[in-house]
Amino acid sequence: MKKAVIFDMDGLMIDSEKVTYEEYIKTMKKFNYDFDEDFYLRCLGKNKQTVCKLFMNHYGDQFPMKEIWDDVHLSLDTRLSTNVPLKNGIIELLTYLKNNHYKTIVATSSSRERAEKILTVANLRNYFDDIICGDEVTCGKPHPEIFLTACQKLGVTPQEALVLEDSEAGISAAHTGGIDVICIPDMKYPEEEFANKTLKILTSLHDVITHLK
């Protein structure tokens, strides 16, 4: 029986992936670099260190990574500081989990500062028992550390937990950690290799309630 639900943040609860993509397009154009969706999709679900490595490998050693990163995330944080777009069904799902005494935690590749700000502006923070962030683990997704740490924080075994994810990196992290994972895709439907690692692939967070019942 499941006792806890572990939530990814960006792309799962928060409709932020498209917003982030828009900011990358603007910034990369300003710095005279091309940027396409296929490359962006490779970055989804990964922590800052891994994303930066992908950029440097793709664009070369002279790529102004710090300037690009800072510019994108300053613009993004400004947008999200007043308006956080939520995914359909998130409030209903969190309310159901609270009413049925599930433990809940956010496990995000974002920093603690960013996660706390976004969840507070979105009025979601009080639904969760805890948060574990990318700057609090040694290895980011697809390594399972963040999800296994989430289980430890909640006092449950991996078998008692359920992960909700939208990214392939998150799916792999949960699967490697021995935790059942349901995928609710955002910008990218998982490739077959990753789809086979999920318990289910659902179209919305509303459907998670039906699964738990």
N, C-alpha and C. Protein backbone atom coordinates (compact mmCIF):
# COMPACT_ATOMS: atom_id res chain seq x y z
N MET A 1 0.84 -1.20 0.00
CA MET A 1 0.00 0.00 0.00
C MET A 1 0.88 1.26 0.00
N LYS A 2 0.52 2.21 -0.82
CA LYS A 2 1.29 3.45 -0.91
C LYS A 2 0.95 4.38 0.26
N LYS A 3 2.00 4.92 0.86
CA LYS A 3 1.83 5.84 1.98
C LYS A 3 2.28 7.26 1.65
N ALA A 4 3.03 7.40 0.56
CA ALA A 4 3.61 8.70 0.23
C ALA A 4 3.64 8.93 -1.27
N VAL A 5 3.52 10.19 -1.65
CA VAL A 5 3.63 10.58 -3.06
C VAL A 5 4.72 11.64 -3.19
N ILE A 6 5.65 11.39 -4.09
CA ILE A 6 6.78 12.29 -4.33
C ILE A 6 6.54 13.03 -5.64
N PHE A 7 6.57 14.36 -5.59
CA PHE A 7 6.26 15.19 -6.75
C PHE A 7 7.51 15.86 -7.32
N ASP A 8 7.70 15.73 -8.62
CA ASP A 8 8.59 16.64 -9.32
C ASP A 8 7.88 18.01 -9.34
N MET A 9 8.59 19.07 -9.70
CA MET A 9 7.96 20.40 -9.70
C MET A 9 7.76 20.92 -11.12
N ASP A 10 8.84 21.32 -11.79
CA ASP A 10 8.72 21.94 -13.12
C ASP A 10 8.23 20.94 -14.15
N GLY A 11 7.19 21.32 -14.87
CA GLY A 11 6.65 20.46 -15.91
C GLY A 11 5.62 19.48 -15.41
N LEU A 12 5.57 19.28 -14.10
CA LEU A 12 4.60 18.36 -13.52
C LEU A 12 3.50 19.14 -12.79
N MET A 13 3.90 19.90 -11.78
CA MET A 13 2.94 20.73 -11.04
C MET A 13 2.85 22.13 -11.63
N ILE A 14 4.00 22.62 -12.07
CA ILE A 14 4.11 23.98 -12.57
C ILE A 14 4.26 23.94 -14.10
N ASP A 15 3.46 24.68 -14.80
CA ASP A 15 3.53 24.72 -16.26
C ASP A 15 4.63 25.68 -16.68
N SER A 16 5.86 25.33 -16.32
CA SER A 16 6.99 26.24 -16.48
C SER A 16 7.94 25.89 -17.62
N GLU A 17 7.83 24.67 -18.15
CA GLU A 17 8.78 24.26 -19.18
C GLU A 17 8.67 25.11 -20.45
N LYS A 18 7.44 25.42 -20.84
CA LYS A 18 7.25 26.24 -22.05
C LYS A 18 7.74 27.66 -21.81
N VAL A 19 7.51 28.17 -20.60
CA VAL A 19 7.97 29.51 -20.25
C VAL A 19 9.50 29.57 -20.28
N THR A 20 10.13 28.54 -19.73
CA THR A 20 11.59 28.48 -19.73
C THR A 20 12.14 28.40 -21.15
N TYR A 21 11.50 27.62 -21.98
CA TYR A 21 11.92 27.50 -23.38
C TYR A 21 11.85 28.85 -24.08
N GLU A 22 10.79 29.61 -23.84
CA GLU A 22 10.64 30.94 -24.43
C GLU A 22 11.78 31.87 -24.00
N GLU A 23 12.17 31.77 -22.72
CA GLU A 23 13.25 32.63 -22.22
C GLU A 23 14.60 32.24 -22.81
N TYR A 24 14.81 30.93 -23.00
CA TYR A 24 16.06 30.49 -23.64
C TYR A 24 16.14 31.00 -25.08
N ILE A 25 15.04 30.93 -25.81
CA ILE A 25 15.03 31.40 -27.19
C ILE A 25 15.42 32.88 -27.25
N LYS A 26 14.83 33.69 -26.38
CA LYS A 26 15.11 35.14 -26.36
C LYS A 26 16.57 35.42 -26.02
N THR A 27 17.06 34.74 -24.98
CA THR A 27 18.43 34.98 -24.54
C THR A 27 19.46 34.49 -25.54
N MET A 28 19.24 33.30 -26.09
CA MET A 28 20.19 32.75 -27.06
C MET A 28 20.25 33.62 -28.32
N LYS A 29 19.12 34.16 -28.71
CA LYS A 29 19.09 35.07 -29.87
C LYS A 29 19.89 36.32 -29.56
N LYS A 30 19.76 36.82 -28.35
CA LYS A 30 20.48 38.02 -27.93
C LYS A 30 21.99 37.81 -27.97
N PHE A 31 22.42 36.57 -27.68
CA PHE A 31 23.85 36.24 -27.70
C PHE A 31 24.29 35.63 -29.04
N ASN A 32 23.38 35.68 -30.03
CA ASN A 32 23.68 35.21 -31.39
C ASN A 32 23.95 33.70 -31.48
N TYR A 33 23.16 32.94 -30.74
CA TYR A 33 23.21 31.49 -30.83
C TYR A 33 21.86 30.95 -31.26
N ASP A 34 21.90 29.87 -32.05
CA ASP A 34 20.67 29.17 -32.40
C ASP A 34 20.24 28.29 -31.23
N PHE A 35 18.96 28.04 -31.14
CA PHE A 35 18.44 27.19 -30.06
C PHE A 35 17.19 26.50 -30.56
N ASP A 36 17.12 25.18 -30.37
CA ASP A 36 15.95 24.47 -30.86
C ASP A 36 15.33 23.60 -29.76
N GLU A 37 14.11 23.19 -30.02
CA GLU A 37 13.35 22.45 -29.02
C GLU A 37 13.96 21.08 -28.73
N ASP A 38 14.51 20.43 -29.75
CA ASP A 38 15.10 19.10 -29.54
C ASP A 38 16.21 19.15 -28.50
N PHE A 39 17.06 20.17 -28.59
CA PHE A 39 18.14 20.28 -27.60
C PHE A 39 17.57 20.61 -26.22
N TYR A 40 16.60 21.49 -26.17
CA TYR A 40 15.98 21.86 -24.90
C TYR A 40 15.38 20.64 -24.20
N LEU A 41 14.73 19.78 -24.97
CA LEU A 41 14.10 18.59 -24.40
C LEU A 41 15.12 17.66 -23.76
N ARG A 42 16.35 17.68 -24.24
CA ARG A 42 17.41 16.86 -23.64
C ARG A 42 17.80 17.37 -22.26
N CYS A 43 17.49 18.63 -21.97
CA CYS A 43 17.87 19.24 -20.70
C CYS A 43 16.82 19.08 -19.61
N LEU A 44 15.61 18.72 -20.00
CA LEU A 44 14.51 18.69 -19.04
C LEU A 44 14.74 17.66 -17.94
N GLY A 45 14.44 18.07 -16.70
CA GLY A 45 14.53 17.17 -15.56
C GLY A 45 15.92 17.04 -14.95
N LYS A 46 16.92 17.68 -15.56
CA LYS A 46 18.30 17.54 -15.08
C LYS A 46 18.70 18.75 -14.24
N ASN A 47 19.69 18.54 -13.36
CA ASN A 47 20.12 19.63 -12.49
C ASN A 47 21.01 20.61 -13.25
N LYS A 48 21.34 21.71 -12.59
CA LYS A 48 22.10 22.78 -13.23
C LYS A 48 23.44 22.30 -13.78
N GLN A 49 24.17 21.53 -13.00
CA GLN A 49 25.48 21.05 -13.42
C GLN A 49 25.40 20.23 -14.70
N THR A 50 24.42 19.35 -14.79
CA THR A 50 24.27 18.51 -15.97
C THR A 50 23.83 19.33 -17.18
N VAL A 51 22.90 20.27 -16.96
CA VAL A 51 22.44 21.14 -18.05
C VAL A 51 23.60 21.95 -18.61
N CYS A 52 24.40 22.53 -17.73
CA CYS A 52 25.53 23.34 -18.19
C CYS A 52 26.52 22.49 -18.99
N LYS A 53 26.74 21.26 -18.56
CA LYS A 53 27.64 20.37 -19.29
C LYS A 53 27.11 20.06 -20.68
N LEU A 54 25.79 19.86 -20.78
CA LEU A 54 25.18 19.61 -22.09
C LEU A 54 25.39 20.81 -23.02
N PHE A 55 25.21 22.02 -22.49
CA PHE A 55 25.39 23.23 -23.29
C PHE A 55 26.84 23.35 -23.77
N MET A 56 27.79 23.14 -22.86
CA MET A 56 29.20 23.29 -23.22
C MET A 56 29.62 22.25 -24.25
N ASN A 57 29.11 21.04 -24.10
CA ASN A 57 29.42 19.99 -25.08
C ASN A 57 28.83 20.31 -26.45
N HIS A 58 27.66 20.93 -26.43
CA HIS A 58 26.95 21.22 -27.67
C HIS A 58 27.51 22.46 -28.39
N TYR A 59 27.81 23.51 -27.62
CA TYR A 59 28.19 24.79 -28.22
C TYR A 59 29.69 25.09 -28.17
N GLY A 60 30.44 24.30 -27.40
CA GLY A 60 31.89 24.50 -27.35
C GLY A 60 32.37 25.23 -26.11
N ASP A 61 33.69 25.19 -25.92
CA ASP A 61 34.29 25.74 -24.70
C ASP A 61 34.15 27.25 -24.56
N GLN A 62 33.93 27.96 -25.65
CA GLN A 62 33.83 29.42 -25.59
C GLN A 62 32.40 29.91 -25.30
N PHE A 63 31.48 28.97 -25.13
CA PHE A 63 30.09 29.34 -24.89
C PHE A 63 29.96 30.07 -23.55
N PRO A 64 29.29 31.25 -23.53
CA PRO A 64 29.17 32.04 -22.29
C PRO A 64 28.09 31.48 -21.35
N MET A 65 28.36 30.33 -20.77
CA MET A 65 27.35 29.60 -20.01
C MET A 65 26.80 30.40 -18.85
N LYS A 66 27.67 31.02 -18.07
CA LYS A 66 27.20 31.75 -16.89
C LYS A 66 26.30 32.91 -17.28
N GLU A 67 26.69 33.66 -18.30
CA GLU A 67 25.89 34.80 -18.73
C GLU A 67 24.52 34.34 -19.25
N ILE A 68 24.51 33.28 -20.04
CA ILE A 68 23.26 32.74 -20.58
C ILE A 68 22.37 32.26 -19.45
N TRP A 69 22.93 31.46 -18.56
CA TRP A 69 22.15 30.90 -17.44
C TRP A 69 21.56 32.01 -16.58
N ASP A 70 22.40 32.98 -16.22
CA ASP A 70 21.94 34.07 -15.34
C ASP A 70 20.84 34.89 -16.00
N ASP A 71 21.01 35.17 -17.29
CA ASP A 71 20.04 35.98 -18.02
C ASP A 71 18.69 35.26 -18.10
N VAL A 72 18.74 33.99 -18.48
CA VAL A 72 17.50 33.20 -18.61
C VAL A 72 16.76 33.12 -17.28
N HIS A 73 17.49 32.80 -16.23
CA HIS A 73 16.82 32.54 -14.96
C HIS A 73 16.41 33.82 -14.22
N LEU A 74 17.09 34.92 -14.50
CA LEU A 74 16.63 36.20 -13.97
C LEU A 74 15.29 36.57 -14.59
N SER A 75 15.20 36.44 -15.91
CA SER A 75 13.94 36.74 -16.61
C SER A 75 12.84 35.78 -16.19
N LEU A 76 13.20 34.50 -16.06
CA LEU A 76 12.22 33.48 -15.67
C LEU A 76 11.70 33.73 -14.26
N ASP A 77 12.61 34.01 -13.34
CA ASP A 77 12.20 34.24 -11.95
C ASP A 77 11.34 35.49 -11.83
N THR A 78 11.61 36.48 -12.67
CA THR A 78 10.78 37.69 -12.66
C THR A 78 9.36 37.35 -13.10
N ARG A 79 9.23 36.53 -14.13
CA ARG A 79 7.90 36.11 -14.60
C ARG A 79 7.16 35.30 -13.54
N LEU A 80 7.89 34.38 -12.90
CA LEU A 80 7.25 33.48 -11.94
C LEU A 80 7.06 34.10 -10.55
N SER A 81 7.64 35.28 -10.34
CA SER A 81 7.53 35.91 -9.02
C SER A 81 6.12 36.45 -8.76
N THR A 82 5.37 36.66 -9.82
CA THR A 82 4.01 37.19 -9.65
C THR A 82 2.93 36.26 -10.20
N ASN A 83 3.33 35.34 -11.08
CA ASN A 83 2.33 34.46 -11.69
C ASN A 83 2.95 33.10 -11.98
N VAL A 84 2.52 32.09 -11.23
CA VAL A 84 3.01 30.73 -11.44
C VAL A 84 1.89 29.93 -12.09
N PRO A 85 2.06 29.54 -13.36
CA PRO A 85 1.02 28.77 -14.06
C PRO A 85 0.99 27.33 -13.56
N LEU A 86 -0.16 26.89 -13.07
CA LEU A 86 -0.29 25.55 -12.51
C LEU A 86 -0.83 24.57 -13.54
N LYS A 87 -0.44 23.32 -13.40
CA LYS A 87 -0.97 22.26 -14.24
C LYS A 87 -2.39 21.91 -13.79
N ASN A 88 -3.21 21.54 -14.75
CA ASN A 88 -4.58 21.15 -14.44
C ASN A 88 -4.60 19.95 -13.49
N GLY A 89 -5.40 20.06 -12.44
CA GLY A 89 -5.61 18.96 -11.52
C GLY A 89 -4.71 18.94 -10.30
N ILE A 90 -3.72 19.84 -10.24
CA ILE A 90 -2.77 19.78 -9.12
C ILE A 90 -3.44 20.06 -7.78
N ILE A 91 -4.30 21.06 -7.72
CA ILE A 91 -4.96 21.40 -6.46
C ILE A 91 -5.89 20.27 -6.02
N GLU A 92 -6.62 19.73 -6.97
CA GLU A 92 -7.54 18.63 -6.65
C GLU A 92 -6.77 17.40 -6.13
N LEU A 93 -5.64 17.09 -6.77
CA LEU A 93 -4.84 15.94 -6.35
C LEU A 93 -4.25 16.17 -4.96
N LEU A 94 -3.68 17.32 -4.73
CA LEU A 94 -3.08 17.61 -3.42
C LEU A 94 -4.13 17.61 -2.31
N THR A 95 -5.30 18.11 -2.62
CA THR A 95 -6.40 18.10 -1.64
C THR A 95 -6.81 16.67 -1.32
N TYR A 96 -6.90 15.83 -2.35
CA TYR A 96 -7.26 14.42 -2.15
C TYR A 96 -6.21 13.73 -1.28
N LEU A 97 -4.95 13.97 -1.56
CA LEU A 97 -3.88 13.32 -0.79
C LEU A 97 -3.90 13.76 0.67
N LYS A 98 -4.14 15.04 0.89
CA LYS A 98 -4.20 15.57 2.25
C LYS A 98 -5.38 14.97 3.01
N ASN A 99 -6.52 14.91 2.35
CA ASN A 99 -7.73 14.38 2.99
C ASN A 99 -7.63 12.89 3.28
N ASN A 100 -6.77 12.19 2.53
CA ASN A 100 -6.63 10.75 2.70
C ASN A 100 -5.31 10.36 3.39
N HIS A 101 -4.67 11.35 4.00
CA HIS A 101 -3.54 11.14 4.90
C HIS A 101 -2.29 10.55 4.24
N TYR A 102 -2.07 10.88 2.97
CA TYR A 102 -0.81 10.52 2.33
C TYR A 102 0.27 11.51 2.75
N LYS A 103 1.49 11.03 2.87
CA LYS A 103 2.62 11.93 3.05
C LYS A 103 3.03 12.47 1.68
N THR A 104 3.47 13.71 1.64
CA THR A 104 3.82 14.31 0.35
C THR A 104 5.12 15.09 0.46
N ILE A 105 5.88 15.07 -0.63
CA ILE A 105 7.14 15.81 -0.68
C ILE A 105 7.44 16.23 -2.11
N VAL A 106 8.09 17.36 -2.27
CA VAL A 106 8.57 17.81 -3.58
C VAL A 106 10.02 17.38 -3.72
N ALA A 107 10.37 16.76 -4.85
CA ALA A 107 11.75 16.38 -5.15
C ALA A 107 12.11 17.02 -6.49
N THR A 108 12.79 18.16 -6.43
CA THR A 108 13.04 18.94 -7.64
C THR A 108 14.53 19.18 -7.85
N SER A 109 14.93 19.26 -9.11
CA SER A 109 16.31 19.57 -9.45
C SER A 109 16.64 21.04 -9.20
N SER A 110 15.63 21.86 -8.98
CA SER A 110 15.83 23.29 -8.70
C SER A 110 16.48 23.50 -7.34
N SER A 111 17.01 24.69 -7.12
CA SER A 111 17.59 25.03 -5.83
C SER A 111 16.50 25.20 -4.78
N ARG A 112 16.88 25.11 -3.51
CA ARG A 112 15.92 25.30 -2.42
C ARG A 112 15.29 26.69 -2.49
N GLU A 113 16.09 27.72 -2.74
CA GLU A 113 15.58 29.09 -2.79
C GLU A 113 14.51 29.24 -3.87
N ARG A 114 14.80 28.72 -5.06
CA ARG A 114 13.84 28.84 -6.17
C ARG A 114 12.57 28.05 -5.88
N ALA A 115 12.73 26.81 -5.39
CA ALA A 115 11.57 25.96 -5.13
C ALA A 115 10.65 26.58 -4.08
N GLU A 116 11.23 27.08 -3.01
CA GLU A 116 10.43 27.68 -1.95
C GLU A 116 9.65 28.90 -2.47
N LYS A 117 10.31 29.71 -3.28
CA LYS A 117 9.67 30.92 -3.83
C LYS A 117 8.49 30.54 -4.72
N ILE A 118 8.73 29.61 -5.63
CA ILE A 118 7.69 29.23 -6.58
C ILE A 118 6.50 28.59 -5.88
N LEU A 119 6.77 27.67 -4.97
CA LEU A 119 5.68 26.99 -4.26
C LEU A 119 4.89 27.95 -3.39
N THR A 120 5.56 28.95 -2.83
CA THR A 120 4.88 29.94 -2.00
C THR A 120 3.99 30.84 -2.84
N VAL A 121 4.53 31.35 -3.96
CA VAL A 121 3.74 32.21 -4.85
C VAL A 121 2.54 31.45 -5.40
N ALA A 122 2.73 30.15 -5.66
CA ALA A 122 1.66 29.32 -6.22
C ALA A 122 0.67 28.83 -5.16
N ASN A 123 0.93 29.18 -3.91
CA ASN A 123 0.08 28.74 -2.78
C ASN A 123 0.01 27.22 -2.67
N LEU A 124 1.14 26.56 -2.93
CA LEU A 124 1.21 25.10 -2.84
C LEU A 124 2.03 24.60 -1.65
N ARG A 125 2.84 25.47 -1.07
CA ARG A 125 3.81 25.01 -0.06
C ARG A 125 3.17 24.25 1.10
N ASN A 126 2.02 24.72 1.57
CA ASN A 126 1.41 24.11 2.75
C ASN A 126 0.82 22.72 2.50
N TYR A 127 0.75 22.32 1.24
CA TYR A 127 0.25 20.98 0.94
C TYR A 127 1.31 19.90 1.19
N PHE A 128 2.58 20.31 1.30
CA PHE A 128 3.67 19.35 1.35
C PHE A 128 4.30 19.24 2.73
N ASP A 129 4.65 18.01 3.07
CA ASP A 129 5.33 17.77 4.34
C ASP A 129 6.78 18.21 4.31
N ASP A 130 7.38 18.19 3.12
CA ASP A 130 8.81 18.52 3.04
C ASP A 130 9.18 18.80 1.59
N ILE A 131 10.43 19.24 1.40
CA ILE A 131 11.00 19.47 0.07
C ILE A 131 12.43 18.95 0.08
N ILE A 132 12.86 18.34 -1.03
CA ILE A 132 14.26 17.98 -1.22
C ILE A 132 14.67 18.55 -2.58
N CYS A 133 15.79 19.28 -2.63
CA CYS A 133 16.14 20.05 -3.82
C CYS A 133 17.48 19.62 -4.42
N GLY A 134 17.70 20.08 -5.64
CA GLY A 134 18.88 19.68 -6.38
C GLY A 134 20.19 20.09 -5.73
N ASP A 135 20.19 21.20 -4.98
CA ASP A 135 21.41 21.65 -4.33
C ASP A 135 21.63 20.98 -2.97
N GLU A 136 20.79 20.00 -2.66
CA GLU A 136 20.91 19.29 -1.38
C GLU A 136 21.30 17.82 -1.56
N VAL A 137 21.58 17.42 -2.80
CA VAL A 137 22.02 16.05 -3.08
C VAL A 137 23.32 16.10 -3.86
N THR A 138 24.06 15.01 -3.81
CA THR A 138 25.34 14.93 -4.52
C THR A 138 25.14 14.64 -6.00
N CYS A 139 24.21 13.74 -6.30
CA CYS A 139 23.98 13.33 -7.69
C CYS A 139 22.55 13.69 -8.10
N GLY A 140 22.42 14.38 -9.22
CA GLY A 140 21.09 14.75 -9.71
C GLY A 140 20.46 13.64 -10.52
N LYS A 141 19.18 13.82 -10.87
CA LYS A 141 18.51 12.89 -11.76
C LYS A 141 19.31 12.79 -13.07
N PRO A 142 19.48 11.61 -13.65
CA PRO A 142 18.73 10.36 -13.44
C PRO A 142 19.23 9.46 -12.31
N HIS A 143 20.18 9.92 -11.50
CA HIS A 143 20.58 9.16 -10.31
C HIS A 143 19.41 9.16 -9.32
N PRO A 144 19.19 8.08 -8.61
CA PRO A 144 18.02 7.97 -7.72
C PRO A 144 18.17 8.66 -6.37
N GLU A 145 19.31 9.29 -6.10
CA GLU A 145 19.56 9.83 -4.75
C GLU A 145 18.44 10.73 -4.24
N ILE A 146 17.95 11.64 -5.09
CA ILE A 146 16.97 12.61 -4.62
C ILE A 146 15.66 11.93 -4.19
N PHE A 147 15.25 10.88 -4.89
CA PHE A 147 14.02 10.18 -4.54
C PHE A 147 14.20 9.28 -3.32
N LEU A 148 15.36 8.65 -3.21
CA LEU A 148 15.63 7.82 -2.05
C LEU A 148 15.75 8.68 -0.79
N THR A 149 16.34 9.87 -0.94
CA THR A 149 16.41 10.81 0.19
C THR A 149 15.02 11.29 0.58
N ALA A 150 14.17 11.50 -0.42
CA ALA A 150 12.78 11.91 -0.15
C ALA A 150 12.07 10.85 0.69
N CYS A 151 12.27 9.59 0.35
CA CYS A 151 11.67 8.50 1.14
C CYS A 151 12.16 8.53 2.58
N GLN A 152 13.47 8.75 2.74
CA GLN A 152 14.05 8.81 4.09
C GLN A 152 13.45 9.95 4.89
N LYS A 153 13.29 11.10 4.25
CA LYS A 153 12.72 12.27 4.93
C LYS A 153 11.29 12.00 5.41
N LEU A 154 10.53 11.24 4.61
CA LEU A 154 9.14 10.96 4.95
C LEU A 154 8.99 9.73 5.84
N GLY A 155 10.08 8.98 6.01
CA GLY A 155 10.02 7.78 6.84
C GLY A 155 9.26 6.63 6.21
N VAL A 156 9.40 6.51 4.87
CA VAL A 156 8.75 5.41 4.16
C VAL A 156 9.79 4.65 3.35
N THR A 157 9.47 3.41 2.99
CA THR A 157 10.35 2.63 2.12
C THR A 157 10.06 3.01 0.67
N PRO A 158 10.99 2.71 -0.24
CA PRO A 158 10.72 2.96 -1.67
C PRO A 158 9.46 2.25 -2.15
N GLN A 159 9.17 1.08 -1.61
CA GLN A 159 7.98 0.34 -2.02
C GLN A 159 6.69 1.01 -1.56
N GLU A 160 6.77 1.85 -0.55
CA GLU A 160 5.60 2.54 -0.02
C GLU A 160 5.37 3.89 -0.68
N ALA A 161 6.26 4.26 -1.60
CA ALA A 161 6.18 5.58 -2.24
C ALA A 161 5.79 5.47 -3.71
N LEU A 162 5.25 6.56 -4.22
CA LEU A 162 4.92 6.70 -5.63
C LEU A 162 5.49 8.03 -6.12
N VAL A 163 6.23 7.99 -7.21
CA VAL A 163 6.80 9.20 -7.80
C VAL A 163 5.92 9.65 -8.96
N LEU A 164 5.69 10.95 -9.04
CA LEU A 164 5.01 11.56 -10.19
C LEU A 164 6.02 12.41 -10.94
N GLU A 165 6.21 12.13 -12.21
CA GLU A 165 7.25 12.77 -13.01
C GLU A 165 6.75 13.08 -14.42
N ASP A 166 7.42 14.02 -15.07
CA ASP A 166 7.14 14.29 -16.48
C ASP A 166 8.34 14.02 -17.38
N SER A 167 9.54 13.92 -16.79
CA SER A 167 10.75 13.81 -17.60
C SER A 167 11.34 12.41 -17.62
N GLU A 168 12.10 12.13 -18.66
CA GLU A 168 12.76 10.84 -18.78
C GLU A 168 13.83 10.66 -17.70
N ALA A 169 14.52 11.75 -17.37
CA ALA A 169 15.53 11.68 -16.31
C ALA A 169 14.89 11.30 -14.98
N GLY A 170 13.72 11.88 -14.70
CA GLY A 170 13.01 11.57 -13.47
C GLY A 170 12.49 10.15 -13.44
N ILE A 171 12.00 9.68 -14.58
CA ILE A 171 11.53 8.29 -14.68
C ILE A 171 12.67 7.33 -14.37
N SER A 172 13.83 7.57 -14.96
CA SER A 172 14.98 6.70 -14.74
C SER A 172 15.42 6.71 -13.29
N ALA A 173 15.40 7.90 -12.68
CA ALA A 173 15.81 8.03 -11.28
C ALA A 173 14.91 7.21 -10.36
N ALA A 174 13.62 7.31 -10.57
CA ALA A 174 12.67 6.57 -9.74
C ALA A 174 12.81 5.07 -9.97
N HIS A 175 12.90 4.67 -11.22
CA HIS A 175 12.98 3.25 -11.56
C HIS A 175 14.25 2.62 -10.97
N THR A 176 15.37 3.31 -11.10
CA THR A 176 16.63 2.81 -10.56
C THR A 176 16.57 2.68 -9.04
N GLY A 177 15.82 3.59 -8.41
CA GLY A 177 15.67 3.56 -6.96
C GLY A 177 14.64 2.56 -6.46
N GLY A 178 13.99 1.84 -7.38
CA GLY A 178 13.01 0.85 -6.98
C GLY A 178 11.69 1.44 -6.52
N ILE A 179 11.36 2.63 -7.04
CA ILE A 179 10.13 3.32 -6.66
C ILE A 179 9.19 3.36 -7.87
N ASP A 180 7.95 2.98 -7.68
CA ASP A 180 6.97 3.06 -8.76
C ASP A 180 6.83 4.51 -9.22
N VAL A 181 6.76 4.70 -10.54
CA VAL A 181 6.66 6.06 -11.09
C VAL A 181 5.55 6.13 -12.13
N ILE A 182 4.75 7.16 -12.00
CA ILE A 182 3.73 7.49 -13.01
C ILE A 182 4.19 8.74 -13.74
N CYS A 183 4.12 8.69 -15.05
CA CYS A 183 4.52 9.83 -15.87
C CYS A 183 3.29 10.57 -16.37
N ILE A 184 3.32 11.89 -16.20
CA ILE A 184 2.34 12.77 -16.84
C ILE A 184 3.15 13.68 -17.76
N PRO A 185 3.28 13.33 -19.04
CA PRO A 185 4.17 14.05 -19.94
C PRO A 185 3.82 15.52 -20.08
N ASP A 186 4.87 16.33 -20.30
CA ASP A 186 4.68 17.76 -20.54
C ASP A 186 5.00 18.04 -22.01
N MET A 187 6.18 18.56 -22.30
CA MET A 187 6.55 18.89 -23.67
C MET A 187 6.98 17.67 -24.46
N LYS A 188 7.38 16.61 -23.77
CA LYS A 188 7.93 15.44 -24.46
C LYS A 188 7.32 14.15 -23.91
N TYR A 189 6.75 13.35 -24.80
CA TYR A 189 6.27 12.03 -24.41
C TYR A 189 7.50 11.12 -24.31
N PRO A 190 7.60 10.30 -23.25
CA PRO A 190 8.81 9.49 -23.07
C PRO A 190 9.02 8.47 -24.17
N GLU A 191 10.29 8.31 -24.56
CA GLU A 191 10.65 7.26 -25.52
C GLU A 191 10.32 5.90 -24.91
N GLU A 192 10.22 4.88 -25.78
CA GLU A 192 9.79 3.56 -25.33
C GLU A 192 10.65 3.02 -24.19
N GLU A 193 11.95 3.26 -24.27
CA GLU A 193 12.87 2.79 -23.22
C GLU A 193 12.45 3.28 -21.84
N PHE A 194 12.00 4.53 -21.78
CA PHE A 194 11.60 5.13 -20.50
C PHE A 194 10.14 4.81 -20.17
N ALA A 195 9.32 4.78 -21.18
CA ALA A 195 7.91 4.45 -20.96
C ALA A 195 7.77 3.07 -20.31
N ASN A 196 8.66 2.16 -20.68
CA ASN A 196 8.62 0.81 -20.13
C ASN A 196 9.02 0.76 -18.66
N LYS A 197 9.61 1.84 -18.16
CA LYS A 197 10.03 1.89 -16.75
C LYS A 197 8.94 2.48 -15.85
N THR A 198 7.85 2.94 -16.45
CA THR A 198 6.78 3.56 -15.67
C THR A 198 5.73 2.54 -15.26
N LEU A 199 5.00 2.88 -14.20
CA LEU A 199 3.84 2.10 -13.80
C LEU A 199 2.70 2.39 -14.76
N LYS A 200 2.54 3.68 -15.07
CA LYS A 200 1.52 4.15 -16.01
C LYS A 200 1.97 5.46 -16.62
N ILE A 201 1.38 5.79 -17.76
CA ILE A 201 1.51 7.12 -18.34
C ILE A 201 0.10 7.69 -18.42
N LEU A 202 -0.12 8.80 -17.72
CA LEU A 202 -1.44 9.39 -17.64
C LEU A 202 -1.46 10.74 -18.35
N THR A 203 -2.65 11.19 -18.71
CA THR A 203 -2.76 12.44 -19.45
C THR A 203 -2.85 13.68 -18.56
N SER A 204 -3.25 13.49 -17.29
CA SER A 204 -3.35 14.64 -16.40
C SER A 204 -3.23 14.21 -14.95
N LEU A 205 -3.02 15.18 -14.07
CA LEU A 205 -2.93 14.90 -12.64
C LEU A 205 -4.26 14.44 -12.07
N HIS A 206 -5.35 14.80 -12.71
CA HIS A 206 -6.69 14.33 -12.29
C HIS A 206 -6.70 12.80 -12.27
N ASP A 207 -6.06 12.19 -13.26
CA ASP A 207 -6.09 10.74 -13.41
C ASP A 207 -5.36 10.00 -12.28
N VAL A 208 -4.45 10.71 -11.60
CA VAL A 208 -3.73 10.09 -10.49
C VAL A 208 -4.69 9.73 -9.35
N ILE A 209 -5.68 10.57 -9.14
CA ILE A 209 -6.68 10.30 -8.11
C ILE A 209 -7.40 8.99 -8.42
N THR A 210 -7.79 8.82 -9.66
CA THR A 210 -8.48 7.59 -10.08
C THR A 210 -7.57 6.38 -9.84
N HIS A 211 -6.29 6.52 -10.15
CA HIS A 211 -5.34 5.42 -9.94
C HIS A 211 -5.25 5.05 -8.46
N LEU A 212 -5.17 6.03 -7.60
CA LEU A 212 -4.99 5.79 -6.16
C LEU A 212 -6.26 5.18 -5.54
N LYS A 213 -7.39 5.52 -6.10
CA LYS A 213 -8.63 4.96 -5.57
C LYS A 213 -8.75 3.47 -5.90
